[in-house]
C-alpha atoms as a PDB file:
ATOM      1  CA  UNK A   1       0.000   0.000   0.000  1.00  0.00           C
ATOM      2  CA  UNK A   2       1.151   3.530  -0.738  1.00  0.00           C
ATOM      3  CA  UNK A   3       2.619   5.435   2.192  1.00  0.00           C
ATOM      4  CA  UNK A   4       0.579   8.643   2.489  1.00  0.00           C
ATOM      5  CA  UNK A   5       3.638  10.460   3.858  1.00  0.00           C
ATOM      6  CA  UNK A   6       5.364   9.968   0.496  1.00  0.00           C
ATOM      7  CA  UNK A   7       2.553  11.809  -1.292  1.00  0.00           C
ATOM      8  CA  UNK A   8       2.904  15.190   0.392  1.00  0.00           C
ATOM      9  CA  UNK A   9       5.036  16.621  -2.412  1.00  0.00           C
ATOM     10  CA  UNK A  10       2.615  15.473  -5.132  1.00  0.00           C
ATOM     11  CA  UNK A  11      -0.683  16.695  -3.690  1.00  0.00           C
ATOM     12  CA  UNK A  12      -2.099  19.592  -1.714  1.00  0.00           C
ATOM     13  CA  UNK A  13      -5.347  19.878   0.188  1.00  0.00           C
ATOM     14  CA  UNK A  14      -6.671  22.780  -1.930  1.00  0.00           C
ATOM     15  CA  UNK A  15      -6.120  20.638  -5.026  1.00  0.00           C
ATOM     16  CA  UNK A  16      -8.010  17.724  -3.497  1.00  0.00           C
ATOM     17  CA  UNK A  17     -10.936  19.918  -2.431  1.00  0.00           C
ATOM     18  CA  UNK A  18     -10.983  21.528  -5.875  1.00  0.00           C
ATOM     19  CA  UNK A  19     -11.157  18.092  -7.510  1.00  0.00           C
ATOM     20  CA  UNK A  20     -14.188  17.179  -5.416  1.00  0.00           C
ATOM     21  CA  UNK A  21     -16.001  20.500  -5.546  1.00  0.00           C
ATOM     22  CA  UNK A  22     -15.728  21.909  -9.071  1.00  0.00           C
ATOM     23  CA  UNK A  23     -19.395  21.379  -9.777  1.00  0.00           C
ATOM     24  CA  UNK A  24     -21.334  18.816 -11.766  1.00  0.00           C
ATOM     25  CA  UNK A  25     -19.158  18.977 -14.861  1.00  0.00           C
ATOM     26  CA  UNK A  26     -15.749  19.628 -13.314  1.00  0.00           C
ATOM     27  CA  UNK A  27     -15.662  17.551 -10.142  1.00  0.00           C
ATOM     28  CA  UNK A  28     -14.308  14.004  -9.993  1.00  0.00           C
ATOM     29  CA  UNK A  29     -13.608  11.193  -7.565  1.00  0.00           C
ATOM     30  CA  UNK A  30     -10.239  10.903  -5.852  1.00  0.00           C
ATOM     31  CA  UNK A  31      -7.784   8.178  -6.730  1.00  0.00           C
ATOM     32  CA  UNK A  32      -6.549   5.649  -4.159  1.00  0.00           C
ATOM     33  CA  UNK A  33      -3.355   7.655  -3.599  1.00  0.00           C
ATOM     34  CA  UNK A  34      -5.181  10.986  -3.388  1.00  0.00           C
ATOM     35  CA  UNK A  35      -7.597   9.627  -0.795  1.00  0.00           C
ATOM     36  CA  UNK A  36      -4.652   8.179   1.162  1.00  0.00           C
ATOM     37  CA  UNK A  37      -2.971  11.601   1.062  1.00  0.00           C
ATOM     38  CA  UNK A  38      -6.046  13.357   2.456  1.00  0.00           C
ATOM     39  CA  UNK A  39      -6.477  10.849   5.272  1.00  0.00           C
ATOM     40  CA  UNK A  40      -2.773  11.096   6.013  1.00  0.00           C
ATOM     41  CA  UNK A  41      -3.147  14.864   6.341  1.00  0.00           C
ATOM     42  CA  UNK A  42      -6.079  14.363   8.727  1.00  0.00           C
ATOM     43  CA  UNK A  43      -4.174  11.868  10.871  1.00  0.00           C
ATOM     44  CA  UNK A  44      -1.014  14.003  10.864  1.00  0.00           C
ATOM     45  CA  UNK A  45      -3.107  17.104  11.702  1.00  0.00           C
ATOM     46  CA  UNK A  46      -1.656  19.070   8.798  1.00  0.00           C
ATOM     47  CA  UNK A  47      -5.158  19.937   7.551  1.00  0.00           C
ATOM     48  CA  UNK A  48      -6.916  23.154   8.561  1.00  0.00           C
ATOM     49  CA  UNK A  49     -10.392  23.083  10.164  1.00  0.00           C
ATOM     50  CA  UNK A  50     -11.876  24.733   7.064  1.00  0.00           C
ATOM     51  CA  UNK A  51     -10.267  22.157   4.772  1.00  0.00           C
ATOM     52  CA  UNK A  52     -11.470  19.302   6.981  1.00  0.00           C
ATOM     53  CA  UNK A  53     -15.062  20.540   7.024  1.00  0.00           C
ATOM     54  CA  UNK A  54     -15.051  21.103   3.263  1.00  0.00           C
ATOM     55  CA  UNK A  55     -13.630  17.647   2.579  1.00  0.00           C
ATOM     56  CA  UNK A  56     -16.075  15.854   4.873  1.00  0.00           C
ATOM     57  CA  UNK A  57     -19.115  17.600   3.434  1.00  0.00           C
ATOM     58  CA  UNK A  58     -18.057  17.192  -0.210  1.00  0.00           C
ATOM     59  CA  UNK A  59     -17.458  13.487   0.340  1.00  0.00           C
ATOM     60  CA  UNK A  60     -20.803  13.128   2.067  1.00  0.00           C
ATOM     61  CA  UNK A  61     -22.696  14.873  -0.730  1.00  0.00           C
ATOM     62  CA  UNK A  62     -21.164  12.809  -3.520  1.00  0.00           C
ATOM     63  CA  UNK A  63     -20.670   9.597  -1.422  1.00  0.00           C
ATOM     64  CA  UNK A  64     -17.342   7.827  -1.312  1.00  0.00           C
ATOM     65  CA  UNK A  65     -16.221   5.228  -3.846  1.00  0.00           C
ATOM     66  CA  UNK A  66     -14.574   1.907  -2.987  1.00  0.00           C
ATOM     67  CA  UNK A  67     -11.242   3.220  -4.279  1.00  0.00           C
ATOM     68  CA  UNK A  68     -11.485   6.309  -2.081  1.00  0.00           C
ATOM     69  CA  UNK A  69     -12.432   4.244   0.942  1.00  0.00           C
ATOM     70  CA  UNK A  70      -9.589   1.815   0.370  1.00  0.00           C
ATOM     71  CA  UNK A  71      -7.107   4.667   0.053  1.00  0.00           C
ATOM     72  CA  UNK A  72      -8.307   6.284   3.279  1.00  0.00           C
ATOM     73  CA  UNK A  73      -8.268   2.975   5.142  1.00  0.00           C
ATOM     74  CA  UNK A  74      -4.722   2.237   3.966  1.00  0.00           C
ATOM     75  CA  UNK A  75      -3.550   5.512   5.520  1.00  0.00           C
ATOM     76  CA  UNK A  76      -5.224   4.557   8.809  1.00  0.00           C
ATOM     77  CA  UNK A  77      -3.857   1.026   8.926  1.00  0.00           C
ATOM     78  CA  UNK A  78      -0.164   1.792   8.460  1.00  0.00           C
ATOM     79  CA  UNK A  79       0.466   3.522  11.818  1.00  0.00           C
ATOM     80  CA  UNK A  80      -1.584   0.853  13.657  1.00  0.00           C
ATOM     81  CA  UNK A  81      -0.250  -2.413  12.272  1.00  0.00           C
ATOM     82  CA  UNK A  82       1.736  -4.469  14.763  1.00  0.00           C
ATOM     83  CA  UNK A  83       4.375  -7.080  14.135  1.00  0.00           C
ATOM     84  CA  UNK A  84       2.727 -10.358  13.059  1.00  0.00           C
ATOM     85  CA  UNK A  85       3.253 -11.975  16.459  1.00  0.00           C
ATOM     86  CA  UNK A  86      -0.436 -12.020  17.320  1.00  0.00           C
ATOM     87  CA  UNK A  87      -2.511 -14.399  15.229  1.00  0.00           C
ATOM     88  CA  UNK A  88      -6.168 -13.317  15.280  1.00  0.00           C
ATOM     89  CA  UNK A  89      -8.972 -15.148  13.529  1.00  0.00           C
ATOM     90  CA  UNK A  90     -11.736 -12.527  13.300  1.00  0.00           C
ATOM     91  CA  UNK A  91     -11.815  -8.729  13.065  1.00  0.00           C
ATOM     92  CA  UNK A  92     -15.310  -7.695  14.210  1.00  0.00           C
ATOM     93  CA  UNK A  93     -16.313  -3.997  13.931  1.00  0.00           C
ATOM     94  CA  UNK A  94     -19.360  -3.032  16.026  1.00  0.00           C
ATOM     95  CA  UNK A  95     -20.346   0.588  15.485  1.00  0.00           C
ATOM     96  CA  UNK A  96     -24.079   0.730  14.731  1.00  0.00           C
ATOM     97  CA  UNK A  97     -25.603   0.009  18.143  1.00  0.00           C
ATOM     98  CA  UNK A  98     -28.739  -2.099  18.526  1.00  0.00           C
ATOM     99  CA  UNK A  99     -32.047  -0.264  18.781  1.00  0.00           C
ATOM    100  CA  UNK A 100     -34.591  -3.002  19.469  1.00  0.00           C
ATOM    101  CA  UNK A 101     -33.238  -6.529  19.472  1.00  0.00           C
ATOM    102  CA  UNK A 102     -30.477  -7.174  22.059  1.00  0.00           C
ATOM    103  CA  UNK A 103     -26.888  -7.617  20.871  1.00  0.00           C
ATOM    104  CA  UNK A 104     -27.166 -11.326  20.083  1.00  0.00           C
ATOM    105  CA  UNK A 105     -24.041 -11.087  17.928  1.00  0.00           C
ATOM    106  CA  UNK A 106     -21.924 -10.642  21.061  1.00  0.00           C
ATOM    107  CA  UNK A 107     -23.200 -13.947  22.414  1.00  0.00           C
ATOM    108  CA  UNK A 108     -22.153 -15.461  19.083  1.00  0.00           C
ATOM    109  CA  UNK A 109     -18.700 -13.939  19.526  1.00  0.00           C
ATOM    110  CA  UNK A 110     -18.513 -15.281  23.067  1.00  0.00           C
ATOM    111  CA  UNK A 111     -19.498 -18.768  21.898  1.00  0.00           C
ATOM    112  CA  UNK A 112     -16.839 -18.760  19.189  1.00  0.00           C
ATOM    113  CA  UNK A 113     -14.170 -17.587  21.624  1.00  0.00           C
ATOM    114  CA  UNK A 114     -15.080 -20.385  24.042  1.00  0.00           C
ATOM    115  CA  UNK A 115     -14.259 -22.803  21.236  1.00  0.00           C
ATOM    116  CA  UNK A 116     -10.832 -21.518  20.279  1.00  0.00           C
ATOM    117  CA  UNK A 117     -11.644 -18.807  17.734  1.00  0.00           C
ATOM    118  CA  UNK A 118      -9.920 -15.514  18.556  1.00  0.00           C
ATOM    119  CA  UNK A 119     -11.992 -12.361  18.019  1.00  0.00           C
ATOM    120  CA  UNK A 120     -10.979  -8.701  18.146  1.00  0.00           C
ATOM    121  CA  UNK A 121     -14.027  -6.438  18.486  1.00  0.00           C
ATOM    122  CA  UNK A 122     -13.792  -2.673  18.055  1.00  0.00           C
ATOM    123  CA  UNK A 123     -16.424   0.021  18.117  1.00  0.00           C
ATOM    124  CA  UNK A 124     -17.251   3.621  18.904  1.00  0.00           C
ATOM    125  CA  UNK A 125     -19.511   6.518  18.059  1.00  0.00           C
ATOM    126  CA  UNK A 126     -21.875   5.952  20.967  1.00  0.00           C
ATOM    127  CA  UNK A 127     -23.730   9.168  20.191  1.00  0.00           C
ATOM    128  CA  UNK A 128     -27.297   7.956  19.526  1.00  0.00           C
ATOM    129  CA  UNK A 129     -29.478   7.829  22.614  1.00  0.00           C
ATOM    130  CA  UNK A 130     -31.495   4.702  23.275  1.00  0.00           C
ATOM    131  CA  UNK A 131     -29.154   2.286  21.508  1.00  0.00           C
ATOM    132  CA  UNK A 132     -27.292  -0.657  22.974  1.00  0.00           C
ATOM    133  CA  UNK A 133     -23.600  -0.376  22.132  1.00  0.00           C
ATOM    134  CA  UNK A 134     -21.013  -3.130  22.211  1.00  0.00           C
ATOM    135  CA  UNK A 135     -18.804  -1.626  24.919  1.00  0.00           C
ATOM    136  CA  UNK A 136     -21.611  -1.738  27.506  1.00  0.00           C
ATOM    137  CA  UNK A 137     -22.671  -5.267  26.583  1.00  0.00           C
ATOM    138  CA  UNK A 138     -19.096  -6.576  26.642  1.00  0.00           C
ATOM    139  CA  UNK A 139     -18.707  -5.457  30.249  1.00  0.00           C
ATOM    140  CA  UNK A 140     -21.853  -7.364  31.234  1.00  0.00           C
ATOM    141  CA  UNK A 141     -20.796 -10.490  29.326  1.00  0.00           C
ATOM    142  CA  UNK A 142     -17.292 -10.526  30.862  1.00  0.00           C
ATOM    143  CA  UNK A 143     -15.643  -9.711  27.547  1.00  0.00           C
ATOM    144  CA  UNK A 144     -12.562  -7.680  28.460  1.00  0.00           C
ATOM    145  CA  UNK A 145     -12.433  -4.033  27.384  1.00  0.00           C
ATOM    146  CA  UNK A 146      -8.804  -3.102  26.692  1.00  0.00           C
ATOM    147  CA  UNK A 147      -7.207   0.276  26.037  1.00  0.00           C
ATOM    148  CA  UNK A 148      -4.176  -0.617  23.892  1.00  0.00           C
ATOM    149  CA  UNK A 149      -3.316  -2.979  21.064  1.00  0.00           C
ATOM    150  CA  UNK A 150      -0.611  -4.568  23.206  1.00  0.00           C
ATOM    151  CA  UNK A 151      -3.182  -5.271  25.917  1.00  0.00           C
ATOM    152  CA  UNK A 152      -5.454  -6.690  23.232  1.00  0.00           C
ATOM    153  CA  UNK A 153      -2.763  -9.157  22.205  1.00  0.00           C
ATOM    154  CA  UNK A 154      -2.369 -10.311  25.804  1.00  0.00           C
ATOM    155  CA  UNK A 155      -6.109 -10.710  26.336  1.00  0.00           C
ATOM    156  CA  UNK A 156      -6.603 -12.554  23.064  1.00  0.00           C
ATOM    157  CA  UNK A 157      -3.957 -15.059  24.062  1.00  0.00           C
ATOM    158  CA  UNK A 158      -5.676 -15.453  27.439  1.00  0.00           C
ATOM    159  CA  UNK A 159      -9.396 -15.592  26.553  1.00  0.00           C
ATOM    160  CA  UNK A 160      -9.597 -15.426  22.721  1.00  0.00           C
ATOM    161  CA  UNK A 161     -11.749 -12.282  22.816  1.00  0.00           C
ATOM    162  CA  UNK A 162     -11.620  -8.587  23.711  1.00  0.00           C
ATOM    163  CA  UNK A 163     -13.121  -5.221  22.828  1.00  0.00           C
ATOM    164  CA  UNK A 164     -11.259  -1.989  22.133  1.00  0.00           C
ATOM    165  CA  UNK A 165     -12.811   1.440  21.677  1.00  0.00           C
ATOM    166  CA  UNK A 166     -11.977   3.401  18.541  1.00  0.00           C
ATOM    167  CA  UNK A 167     -10.982   6.321  20.776  1.00  0.00           C
ATOM    168  CA  UNK A 168      -8.080   4.171  22.032  1.00  0.00           C
ATOM    169  CA  UNK A 169      -7.187   2.849  18.571  1.00  0.00           C
ATOM    170  CA  UNK A 170      -7.279   6.227  16.829  1.00  0.00           C
ATOM    171  CA  UNK A 171      -8.481   9.308  18.747  1.00  0.00           C
ATOM    172  CA  UNK A 172      -8.628  11.310  15.521  1.00  0.00           C
ATOM    173  CA  UNK A 173     -10.936   8.834  13.770  1.00  0.00           C
ATOM    174  CA  UNK A 174     -13.099   8.731  16.869  1.00  0.00           C
ATOM    175  CA  UNK A 175     -13.323  12.523  16.838  1.00  0.00           C
ATOM    176  CA  UNK A 176     -14.363  12.448  13.159  1.00  0.00           C
ATOM    177  CA  UNK A 177     -17.258  10.115  13.960  1.00  0.00           C
ATOM    178  CA  UNK A 178     -18.297  12.256  16.903  1.00  0.00           C
ATOM    179  CA  UNK A 179     -18.432  15.314  14.600  1.00  0.00           C
ATOM    180  CA  UNK A 180     -21.778  14.015  13.364  1.00  0.00           C
ATOM    181  CA  UNK A 181     -23.449  15.962  16.177  1.00  0.00           C
ATOM    182  CA  UNK A 182     -21.707  19.168  15.064  1.00  0.00           C
ATOM    183  CA  UNK A 183     -22.085  18.750  11.303  1.00  0.00           C
ATOM    184  CA  UNK A 184     -25.479  17.082  11.263  1.00  0.00           C
ATOM    185  CA  UNK A 185     -24.213  14.393   8.863  1.00  0.00           C
ATOM    186  CA  UNK A 186     -22.109  11.274   9.128  1.00  0.00           C
ATOM    187  CA  UNK A 187     -18.637  11.366   7.581  1.00  0.00           C
ATOM    188  CA  UNK A 188     -16.579   8.844   5.563  1.00  0.00           C
ATOM    189  CA  UNK A 189     -15.042   7.816   8.894  1.00  0.00           C
ATOM    190  CA  UNK A 190     -18.280   6.074   9.833  1.00  0.00           C
ATOM    191  CA  UNK A 191     -17.786   3.822   6.820  1.00  0.00           C
ATOM    192  CA  UNK A 192     -14.032   3.324   6.748  1.00  0.00           C
ATOM    193  CA  UNK A 193     -13.650   2.298  10.419  1.00  0.00           C
ATOM    194  CA  UNK A 194     -15.459  -0.929   9.554  1.00  0.00           C
ATOM    195  CA  UNK A 195     -12.449  -1.870   7.410  1.00  0.00           C
ATOM    196  CA  UNK A 196      -9.712  -1.119   9.919  1.00  0.00           C
ATOM    197  CA  UNK A 197      -8.039  -4.380  10.872  1.00  0.00           C
ATOM    198  CA  UNK A 198      -5.295  -3.396  13.353  1.00  0.00           C
ATOM    199  CA  UNK A 199      -4.284  -6.943  14.326  1.00  0.00           C
ATOM    200  CA  UNK A 200      -4.419  -8.297  10.768  1.00  0.00           C
ATOM    201  CA  UNK A 201      -7.103 -10.876  11.483  1.00  0.00           C
ATOM    202  CA  UNK A 202      -7.621 -13.527   8.834  1.00  0.00           C
ATOM    203  CA  UNK A 203     -11.394 -12.988   8.534  1.00  0.00           C
ATOM    204  CA  UNK A 204     -12.916  -9.509   8.377  1.00  0.00           C
ATOM    205  CA  UNK A 205     -16.602  -8.731   8.894  1.00  0.00           C
ATOM    206  CA  UNK A 206     -18.865  -5.836   7.964  1.00  0.00           C
ATOM    207  CA  UNK A 207     -22.490  -5.490   8.966  1.00  0.00           C
ATOM    208  CA  UNK A 208     -24.783  -2.751   7.700  1.00  0.00           C
ATOM    209  CA  UNK A 209     -28.364  -1.610   7.777  1.00  0.00           C
ATOM    210  CA  UNK A 210     -28.781  -0.400   4.188  1.00  0.00           C
ATOM    211  CA  UNK A 211     -28.239  -3.143   1.569  1.00  0.00           C
ATOM    212  CA  UNK A 212     -27.250  -0.501  -0.994  1.00  0.00           C
ATOM    213  CA  UNK A 213     -23.910  -0.142   0.823  1.00  0.00           C
ATOM    214  CA  UNK A 214     -23.063  -3.839   0.619  1.00  0.00           C
ATOM    215  CA  UNK A 215     -21.394  -3.610  -2.796  1.00  0.00           C
ATOM    216  CA  UNK A 216     -19.310  -0.642  -1.629  1.00  0.00           C
ATOM    217  CA  UNK A 217     -17.999  -2.520   1.409  1.00  0.00           C
ATOM    218  CA  UNK A 218     -17.484  -5.699  -0.581  1.00  0.00           C
ATOM    219  CA  UNK A 219     -15.389  -3.973  -3.259  1.00  0.00           C
ATOM    220  CA  UNK A 220     -13.438  -1.985  -0.665  1.00  0.00           C
ATOM    221  CA  UNK A 221     -12.457  -5.197   1.129  1.00  0.00           C
ATOM    222  CA  UNK A 222     -11.228  -6.669  -2.146  1.00  0.00           C
ATOM    223  CA  UNK A 223      -9.153  -3.565  -2.937  1.00  0.00           C
ATOM    224  CA  UNK A 224      -7.612  -3.743   0.538  1.00  0.00           C
ATOM    225  CA  UNK A 225      -6.597  -7.356   0.002  1.00  0.00           C
ATOM    226  CA  UNK A 226      -8.887  -8.640   2.759  1.00  0.00           C
ATOM    227  CA  UNK A 227      -8.918 -12.102   1.252  1.00  0.00           C
ATOM    228  CA  UNK A 228     -11.484 -13.605   3.596  1.00  0.00           C
ATOM    229  CA  UNK A 229     -14.338 -11.177   4.105  1.00  0.00           C
ATOM    230  CA  UNK A 230     -18.054 -11.342   4.911  1.00  0.00           C
ATOM    231  CA  UNK A 231     -20.541  -8.512   4.376  1.00  0.00           C
ATOM    232  CA  UNK A 232     -24.175  -8.817   5.401  1.00  0.00           C
ATOM    233  CA  UNK A 233     -27.299  -6.781   5.939  1.00  0.00           C
ATOM    234  CA  UNK A 234     -27.445  -7.291   9.679  1.00  0.00           C
ATOM    235  CA  UNK A 235     -29.993  -6.499  12.347  1.00  0.00           C
ATOM    236  CA  UNK A 236     -29.664  -2.868  13.370  1.00  0.00           C
ATOM    237  CA  UNK A 237     -26.619  -2.500  11.117  1.00  0.00           C
ATOM    238  CA  UNK A 238     -24.451  -4.890  13.143  1.00  0.00           C
ATOM    239  CA  UNK A 239     -22.980  -8.177  11.906  1.00  0.00           C
ATOM    240  CA  UNK A 240     -25.928 -10.236  13.127  1.00  0.00           C
ATOM    241  CA  UNK A 241     -28.188 -12.529  11.140  1.00  0.00           C
ATOM    242  CA  UNK A 242     -31.921 -11.917  11.397  1.00  0.00           C
ATOM    243  CA  UNK A 243     -33.280 -15.467  11.637  1.00  0.00           C
ATOM    244  CA  UNK A 244     -36.825 -14.398  10.769  1.00  0.00           C
ATOM    245  CA  UNK A 245     -36.068 -12.816   7.391  1.00  0.00           C
ATOM    246  CA  UNK A 246     -33.934 -13.221   4.285  1.00  0.00           C
ATOM    247  CA  UNK A 247     -30.318 -12.144   4.899  1.00  0.00           C
ATOM    248  CA  UNK A 248     -28.240 -10.807   2.005  1.00  0.00           C
ATOM    249  CA  UNK A 249     -24.566 -11.846   2.169  1.00  0.00           C
ATOM    250  CA  UNK A 250     -21.535 -10.970   0.080  1.00  0.00           C
ATOM    251  CA  UNK A 251     -18.350 -12.966   0.638  1.00  0.00           C
ATOM    252  CA  UNK A 252     -14.825 -12.857  -0.727  1.00  0.00           C
ATOM    253  CA  UNK A 253     -12.468 -15.770  -0.195  1.00  0.00           C
ATOM    254  CA  UNK A 254      -9.204 -15.671  -2.133  1.00  0.00           C
ATOM    255  CA  UNK A 255     -10.143 -15.121  -5.759  1.00  0.00           C
ATOM    256  CA  UNK A 256     -13.760 -16.220  -5.317  1.00  0.00           C
ATOM    257  CA  UNK A 257     -16.605 -13.739  -4.860  1.00  0.00           C
ATOM    258  CA  UNK A 258     -20.050 -14.900  -3.876  1.00  0.00           C
ATOM    259  CA  UNK A 259     -23.442 -13.283  -3.409  1.00  0.00           C
ATOM    260  CA  UNK A 260     -26.069 -15.302  -1.582  1.00  0.00           C
ATOM    261  CA  UNK A 261     -29.299 -15.107   0.373  1.00  0.00           C
ATOM    262  CA  UNK A 262     -29.547 -16.855   3.720  1.00  0.00           C
ATOM    263  CA  UNK A 263     -33.080 -18.177   4.151  1.00  0.00           C
ATOM    264  CA  UNK A 264     -34.886 -17.491   7.453  1.00  0.00           C
ATOM    265  CA  UNK A 265     -34.909 -20.348   9.951  1.00  0.00           C
ATOM    266  CA  UNK A 266     -37.992 -19.103  11.786  1.00  0.00           C
ATOM    267  CA  UNK A 267     -41.417 -19.623  10.247  1.00  0.00           C
ATOM    268  CA  UNK A 268     -42.745 -16.167  11.088  1.00  0.00           C
ATOM    269  CA  UNK A 269     -41.530 -12.665  11.852  1.00  0.00           C
ATOM    270  CA  UNK A 270     -40.668 -12.119  15.503  1.00  0.00           C
ATOM    271  CA  UNK A 271     -42.235  -9.306  17.505  1.00  0.00           C
ATOM    272  CA  UNK A 272     -39.717  -6.485  17.808  1.00  0.00           C
ATOM    273  CA  UNK A 273     -39.043  -5.263  21.370  1.00  0.00           C
ATOM    274  CA  UNK A 274     -39.478  -1.569  22.030  1.00  0.00           C
ATOM    275  CA  UNK A 275     -35.874  -1.229  23.206  1.00  0.00           C
ATOM    276  CA  UNK A 276     -32.768  -3.405  23.344  1.00  0.00           C
ATOM    277  CA  UNK A 277     -32.257  -4.843  26.835  1.00  0.00           C
ATOM    278  CA  UNK A 278     -29.366  -6.635  28.521  1.00  0.00           C
ATOM    279  CA  UNK A 279     -31.372  -9.148  30.568  1.00  0.00           C
ATOM    280  CA  UNK A 280     -32.415 -11.348  27.606  1.00  0.00           C
ATOM    281  CA  UNK A 281     -28.743 -11.915  26.725  1.00  0.00           C
ATOM    282  CA  UNK A 282     -27.921 -13.216  30.182  1.00  0.00           C
ATOM    283  CA  UNK A 283     -31.144 -15.234  30.406  1.00  0.00           C
ATOM    284  CA  UNK A 284     -30.426 -16.983  27.117  1.00  0.00           C
ATOM    285  CA  UNK A 285     -26.774 -17.723  27.853  1.00  0.00           C
ATOM    286  CA  UNK A 286     -27.209 -18.766  31.478  1.00  0.00           C
ATOM    287  CA  UNK A 287     -30.606 -20.462  31.476  1.00  0.00           C
ATOM    288  CA  UNK A 288     -31.667 -20.986  27.835  1.00  0.00           C
ATOM    289  CA  UNK A 289     -34.620 -18.686  28.466  1.00  0.00           C
ATOM    290  CA  UNK A 290     -36.086 -16.928  25.460  1.00  0.00           C
ATOM    291  CA  UNK A 291     -38.530 -17.201  22.587  1.00  0.00           C
ATOM    292  CA  UNK A 292     -36.172 -18.854  20.133  1.00  0.00           C
ATOM    293  CA  UNK A 293     -35.302 -15.721  18.150  1.00  0.00           C
ATOM    294  CA  UNK A 294     -32.197 -14.920  20.173  1.00  0.00           C
ATOM    295  CA  UNK A 295     -30.784 -18.437  20.055  1.00  0.00           C
ATOM    296  CA  UNK A 296     -31.394 -18.652  16.309  1.00  0.00           C
ATOM    297  CA  UNK A 297     -29.643 -15.298  15.796  1.00  0.00           C
ATOM    298  CA  UNK A 298     -26.647 -16.450  17.835  1.00  0.00           C
ATOM    299  CA  UNK A 299     -26.307 -19.802  16.082  1.00  0.00           C
ATOM    300  CA  UNK A 300     -26.823 -18.475  12.552  1.00  0.00           C
ATOM    301  CA  UNK A 301     -24.339 -15.642  13.040  1.00  0.00           C
ATOM    302  CA  UNK A 302     -21.728 -17.951  14.551  1.00  0.00           C
ATOM    303  CA  UNK A 303     -22.239 -20.573  11.830  1.00  0.00           C
ATOM    304  CA  UNK A 304     -21.555 -18.054   9.057  1.00  0.00           C
ATOM    305  CA  UNK A 305     -18.214 -17.232  10.643  1.00  0.00           C
ATOM    306  CA  UNK A 306     -17.251 -20.874  11.237  1.00  0.00           C
ATOM    307  CA  UNK A 307     -18.133 -21.679   7.623  1.00  0.00           C
ATOM    308  CA  UNK A 308     -15.858 -18.870   6.365  1.00  0.00           C
ATOM    309  CA  UNK A 309     -12.985 -19.725   8.703  1.00  0.00           C
ATOM    310  CA  UNK A 310     -12.992 -23.484   8.223  1.00  0.00           C
ATOM    311  CA  UNK A 311     -14.084 -23.424   4.562  1.00  0.00           C
ATOM    312  CA  UNK A 312     -16.927 -25.850   5.243  1.00  0.00           C
ATOM    313  CA  UNK A 313     -20.560 -25.754   4.163  1.00  0.00           C
ATOM    314  CA  UNK A 314     -23.019 -23.688   6.145  1.00  0.00           C
ATOM    315  CA  UNK A 315     -24.914 -26.850   7.110  1.00  0.00           C
ATOM    316  CA  UNK A 316     -21.723 -28.382   8.524  1.00  0.00           C
ATOM    317  CA  UNK A 317     -20.964 -25.174  10.398  1.00  0.00           C
ATOM    318  CA  UNK A 318     -24.491 -25.034  11.809  1.00  0.00           C
ATOM    319  CA  UNK A 319     -24.109 -28.584  13.182  1.00  0.00           C
ATOM    320  CA  UNK A 320     -20.779 -27.687  14.781  1.00  0.00           C
ATOM    321  CA  UNK A 321     -22.107 -24.502  16.348  1.00  0.00           C
ATOM    322  CA  UNK A 322     -25.223 -26.246  17.666  1.00  0.00           C
ATOM    323  CA  UNK A 323     -22.984 -28.718  19.476  1.00  0.00           C
ATOM    324  CA  UNK A 324     -20.888 -25.893  20.929  1.00  0.00           C
ATOM    325  CA  UNK A 325     -24.034 -24.174  22.146  1.00  0.00           C
ATOM    326  CA  UNK A 326     -25.290 -27.310  23.860  1.00  0.00           C
ATOM    327  CA  UNK A 327     -21.929 -27.678  25.636  1.00  0.00           C
ATOM    328  CA  UNK A 328     -21.267 -23.984  26.346  1.00  0.00           C
ATOM    329  CA  UNK A 329     -21.311 -24.392  30.128  1.00  0.00           C
END
């Protein structure tokens, strides 16, 4: 990947803003290297507040391309990447926050970790009231919350799972996401953080609410060389299968791309709670109490990941995960 620091003599911020904002006939998308340069300027704090605001709003109006996203992500990854001494199976971004259904996906992550699959969860942007965010659920589920990548490596070797806040991974990216309250609009940071893979996990995940963004995330992962990647339209925008409806999935494994629909396993649509609660998560894990929706969401989500990691059929993965669930205590 291009080092954004090597691009400072080729590009300037006024030139990049001019490229984006010349109007309908004169504006254009940024190249991979140009996008990497801009993100490098943001991370290095060599961009002025006016330039930052202009860039964020122009990108939001036109919407970012996969090439632009990949360039920006590459600039973010380089200062974060550690030596390859920590082998991690799954990179799991969790930024949306659950609005109604509880965070069943975190029970899936816990189940996988109990069975030897290492999972690095990261999230942030807890700015929407009334949502259940991963950091709060992790504390209740005894998933360690760490504050450095070195601490993450230690915890992953100890328990196979941990959570790290974006503010501790990259304070500047966290600040960009939090600017939504000031600007009134989300920024490209809300999209690109889902592709940051600080510990170079073998499998990367992206969950989203709007299916129109699936192709964008899928192509970005390919451009970044994330050679085992799953994208799905998940409940509440998180990487969580809805077992009562059709789930759209895009996967990339090596040179093979696949688009599929995961059929619902429940015969009818479940009633949606008014608000996501913590108690149902504990009740399901500890006592198997629930209406069946939560358990199906956990098992289907976990099976997708096992299928991608072990390169086995979904049916085989579902049988494996069902056995793990039965023996989880």
